[in-house]
Each structure stands twice: as structure tokens, then as C-alpha cells.
Amino acid sequence: MSGLLGPLELVGDRWVIGDPKRGQGSCVVLTRDGMEHHVRGVPEARSAVPWSRVVGLTVKASARTWLATRTGGVVNALGGGHLEAGPEACVVGAHLRYPQEGWKVVYGHHERAYTYQHMFLLGDLFRKTAEAGAARLLGDPEWLAPVVAELAPTPKWTPLPGRRVTELLTTLGVN
């Protein structure tokens, strides 16, 4: 069973987006109650959002660590700006209700590279799960583990990978 999909990784018994060991250790921890923004050296969450407030979700990432730097952003801009790059390239965003507002966390990139397929599949999984009103499932490790295990081995040449996410969610009863 695969324990990672792009920046999403199983750490102990919790799913975490970002690397809690690099840089400031900024990461997003998915819990049964919601999403928590943590940084290294601080035991409590810097901010938290309950799943009940989530209307929409986005997860973005740069493919390589160096692209998530200011230099990476400049190089990307000079090259046409077609990649996620710059200091805010690795971000989890949420559209919240009651009150309507945005929530955004910049997380630390792992030392390993992320494949474009994994980045797309993760972003699509989060977006479609939230759109279906089932964002709370992302905080359930028993639900998320087999989903990641199913999506992670998707070959990079698979046409229409978003269809794979849709079919998987439909199979699991998330519409």
C-alpha cells in the first residue's frame, strides 16, 4: 500500500501535506475534525479549520524543491510562467462558509520530487471530494489510505486522470 501521493504522506497514523522536517516545518495535518496548520517546534496548531466549514479545497505544489523558492519563481516567470513556482507554489487553500472566507497555508516541499501526475491527482481528489460535500472523509485515515493506494500507481501516460478520480469516488459512494 502506497503511503504518499505527491506532497501527501502518511506520517505515523496521520496524513500530512508537506514536510514537517524541512525548513520551518510548515505542514497541514488532516485530522478527523479538520485541517491543522503546524510548524516545527510548536506543539499546538497555528490555525485549524473544521471540515464542516469547508466548501472548496485546492492543493498546489511545485514539482521540485528549488521551484518553491523565490529563485524558482523568477526562473519560471522568465521561462513563460507555466509551472507552479515561487515561495507560494506549495499551498493548501480552502473556501470556507459561516462566515465566507478563504484559508491558505504554504507548506514545506519534501526533498523528493513530486510527479505531475501525483500533483494533479491529489488536487483533483481534494477538489472533487469537497465539491461533493464529503471533505470530512479526507480526515479519515482508514478511508484515505486505500484511495491513495489506488491513485498512487496511476501511470503518467494515463489519459484523462481526472476521470480515474471521479470513477474511484463514485465507486466509494462520494458523488
Protein backbone atom coordinates (compact mmCIF):
# COMPACT_ATOMS: atom_id res chain seq x y z
CA MET A 1 0.00 0.00 0.00
CA SER A 2 1.41 3.38 -1.01
CA GLY A 3 1.89 5.92 1.74
CA LEU A 4 2.24 9.01 -0.44
CA LEU A 5 0.66 10.93 -3.28
CA GLY A 6 2.74 13.98 -4.19
CA PRO A 7 3.06 16.13 -1.05
CA LEU A 8 0.50 13.99 0.85
CA GLU A 9 2.24 11.45 3.06
CA LEU A 10 1.27 9.09 5.85
CA VAL A 11 3.28 10.07 8.93
CA GLY A 12 2.59 7.66 11.77
CA ASP A 13 -1.19 7.33 11.81
CA ARG A 14 -1.96 10.76 10.27
CA TRP A 15 -1.96 12.08 6.74
CA VAL A 16 0.18 15.18 6.32
CA ILE A 17 0.64 17.56 3.40
CA GLY A 18 4.17 18.95 3.34
CA ASP A 19 7.40 18.04 5.06
CA PRO A 20 7.36 18.77 8.80
CA LYS A 21 11.14 18.20 8.98
CA ARG A 22 12.38 20.73 6.39
CA GLY A 23 12.68 24.49 6.66
CA GLN A 24 10.17 25.85 9.15
CA GLY A 25 8.41 22.51 9.12
CA SER A 26 5.18 24.03 7.83
CA CYS A 27 2.63 21.33 7.07
CA VAL A 28 -1.09 20.63 7.04
CA VAL A 29 -2.27 17.71 9.17
CA LEU A 30 -5.54 16.05 8.20
CA THR A 31 -7.48 15.06 11.32
CA ARG A 32 -10.97 13.67 11.84
CA ASP A 33 -12.06 17.15 12.97
CA GLY A 34 -10.47 19.17 10.15
CA MET A 35 -7.20 20.54 8.83
CA GLU A 36 -4.50 21.88 11.14
CA HIS A 37 -1.54 24.04 10.17
CA HIS A 38 1.55 23.02 12.13
CA VAL A 39 5.12 24.29 12.20
CA ARG A 40 8.15 22.57 13.67
CA GLY A 41 8.83 23.23 17.34
CA VAL A 42 5.30 24.41 18.18
CA PRO A 43 3.13 21.72 19.77
CA GLU A 44 -0.26 23.30 19.06
CA ALA A 45 -1.73 24.07 15.66
CA ARG A 46 -1.06 27.53 14.27
CA SER A 47 -4.55 27.50 12.75
CA ALA A 48 -7.30 24.94 12.24
CA VAL A 49 -10.37 24.60 10.07
CA PRO A 50 -13.20 22.14 10.80
CA TRP A 51 -14.40 20.03 7.86
CA SER A 52 -17.94 21.36 8.38
CA ARG A 53 -16.83 24.82 7.17
CA VAL A 54 -15.07 23.59 4.01
CA VAL A 55 -16.85 24.34 0.73
CA GLY A 56 -13.90 24.05 -1.66
CA LEU A 57 -10.31 22.80 -1.50
CA THR A 58 -7.20 23.27 -3.59
CA VAL A 59 -3.77 21.69 -3.24
CA LYS A 60 -0.95 23.05 -5.35
CA ALA A 61 2.70 22.03 -5.47
CA SER A 62 5.87 22.61 -7.40
CA ALA A 63 7.46 19.52 -8.92
CA ARG A 64 10.89 20.15 -7.44
CA THR A 65 12.09 21.70 -4.20
CA TRP A 66 14.06 24.51 -5.86
CA LEU A 67 10.93 25.66 -7.75
CA ALA A 68 9.31 26.51 -4.40
CA THR A 69 11.88 29.28 -3.82
CA ARG A 70 11.98 32.92 -4.89
CA THR A 71 14.67 31.99 -7.44
CA GLY A 72 12.41 29.24 -8.81
CA GLY A 73 9.62 31.78 -9.20
CA VAL A 74 11.87 34.17 -11.14
CA VAL A 75 13.21 31.42 -13.40
CA ASN A 76 9.65 30.21 -14.03
CA ALA A 77 8.43 33.74 -14.84
CA LEU A 78 11.30 34.32 -17.26
CA GLY A 79 10.54 30.98 -18.92
CA GLY A 80 6.87 31.76 -19.52
CA GLY A 81 5.33 31.03 -16.11
CA HIS A 82 3.76 27.67 -16.94
CA LEU A 83 4.65 25.87 -13.68
CA GLU A 84 3.73 26.24 -10.03
CA ALA A 85 6.76 28.10 -8.71
CA GLY A 86 7.86 30.68 -6.20
CA PRO A 87 7.55 30.98 -2.43
CA GLU A 88 3.79 30.24 -2.55
CA ALA A 89 3.97 27.35 -5.03
CA CYS A 90 3.17 24.75 -2.36
CA VAL A 91 -0.15 25.74 -0.89
CA VAL A 92 -3.33 24.25 0.52
CA GLY A 93 -6.31 26.54 0.10
CA ALA A 94 -9.87 26.28 1.32
CA HIS A 95 -13.03 28.24 0.67
CA LEU A 96 -14.95 28.34 3.95
CA ARG A 97 -18.52 29.10 4.97
CA TYR A 98 -20.01 30.68 8.11
CA PRO A 99 -18.57 33.25 7.53
CA GLN A 100 -17.48 33.08 3.90
CA GLU A 101 -13.70 33.46 3.81
CA GLY A 102 -10.55 31.94 2.43
CA TRP A 103 -7.91 29.91 4.26
CA LYS A 104 -4.44 29.35 2.86
CA VAL A 105 -1.35 27.57 4.19
CA VAL A 106 2.03 27.48 2.47
CA TYR A 107 3.65 24.16 3.31
CA GLY A 108 7.23 22.90 3.08
CA HIS A 109 8.25 20.89 0.00
CA HIS A 110 9.77 17.45 0.58
CA GLU A 111 13.31 16.82 -0.62
CA ARG A 112 11.92 14.33 -3.13
CA ALA A 113 10.37 15.49 -6.39
CA TYR A 114 6.64 15.19 -6.96
CA THR A 115 5.38 13.79 -10.24
CA TYR A 116 2.96 15.93 -12.22
CA GLN A 117 0.54 13.01 -12.22
CA HIS A 118 0.56 12.82 -8.42
CA MET A 119 0.14 16.58 -8.07
CA PHE A 120 -2.83 16.55 -10.44
CA LEU A 121 -4.47 13.50 -8.83
CA LEU A 122 -4.11 14.94 -5.31
CA GLY A 123 -5.53 18.32 -6.31
CA ASP A 124 -8.40 16.66 -8.18
CA LEU A 125 -9.15 14.33 -5.25
CA PHE A 126 -9.36 17.22 -2.78
CA ARG A 127 -11.40 19.42 -5.13
CA LYS A 128 -13.94 16.75 -6.06
CA THR A 129 -14.31 15.42 -2.52
CA ALA A 130 -15.02 18.93 -1.21
CA GLU A 131 -17.42 19.69 -4.08
CA ALA A 132 -19.35 16.51 -3.19
CA GLY A 133 -19.73 17.80 0.38
CA ALA A 134 -17.57 14.96 1.72
CA ALA A 135 -14.39 16.82 2.73
CA ARG A 136 -14.61 15.18 6.17
CA LEU A 137 -13.57 11.88 4.54
CA LEU A 138 -10.12 13.33 3.88
CA GLY A 139 -9.56 13.33 7.64
CA ASP A 140 -10.38 9.63 7.96
CA PRO A 141 -7.11 7.66 7.64
CA GLU A 142 -8.98 4.40 7.03
CA TRP A 143 -10.81 5.97 4.06
CA LEU A 144 -7.87 7.92 2.65
CA ALA A 145 -5.27 5.11 2.76
CA PRO A 146 -6.95 2.85 0.16
CA VAL A 147 -7.79 5.88 -2.01
CA VAL A 148 -4.12 6.92 -2.08
CA ALA A 149 -3.08 3.30 -2.66
CA GLU A 150 -5.41 3.17 -5.67
CA LEU A 151 -4.36 6.51 -7.18
CA ALA A 152 -0.59 6.47 -6.49
CA PRO A 153 0.36 3.82 -9.08
CA THR A 154 -1.51 5.61 -11.88
CA PRO A 155 0.87 5.66 -14.87
CA LYS A 156 1.94 9.10 -16.01
CA TRP A 157 0.74 8.39 -19.54
CA THR A 158 -2.85 7.71 -18.39
CA PRO A 159 -5.23 9.83 -20.48
CA LEU A 160 -7.78 11.85 -18.51
CA PRO A 161 -6.51 11.08 -14.99
CA GLY A 162 -9.34 13.16 -13.55
CA ARG A 163 -11.74 10.51 -14.78
CA ARG A 164 -9.87 8.00 -12.61
CA VAL A 165 -10.53 10.15 -9.53
CA THR A 166 -14.20 10.58 -10.46
CA GLU A 167 -14.69 6.84 -11.02
CA LEU A 168 -12.97 5.99 -7.73
CA LEU A 169 -15.08 8.48 -5.76
CA THR A 170 -18.25 7.18 -7.44
CA THR A 171 -17.27 3.60 -6.52
CA LEU A 172 -16.84 4.74 -2.90
CA GLY A 173 -20.25 6.46 -2.91
CA VAL A 174 -18.92 10.02 -2.96
CA ASN A 175 -20.96 11.90 -5.55
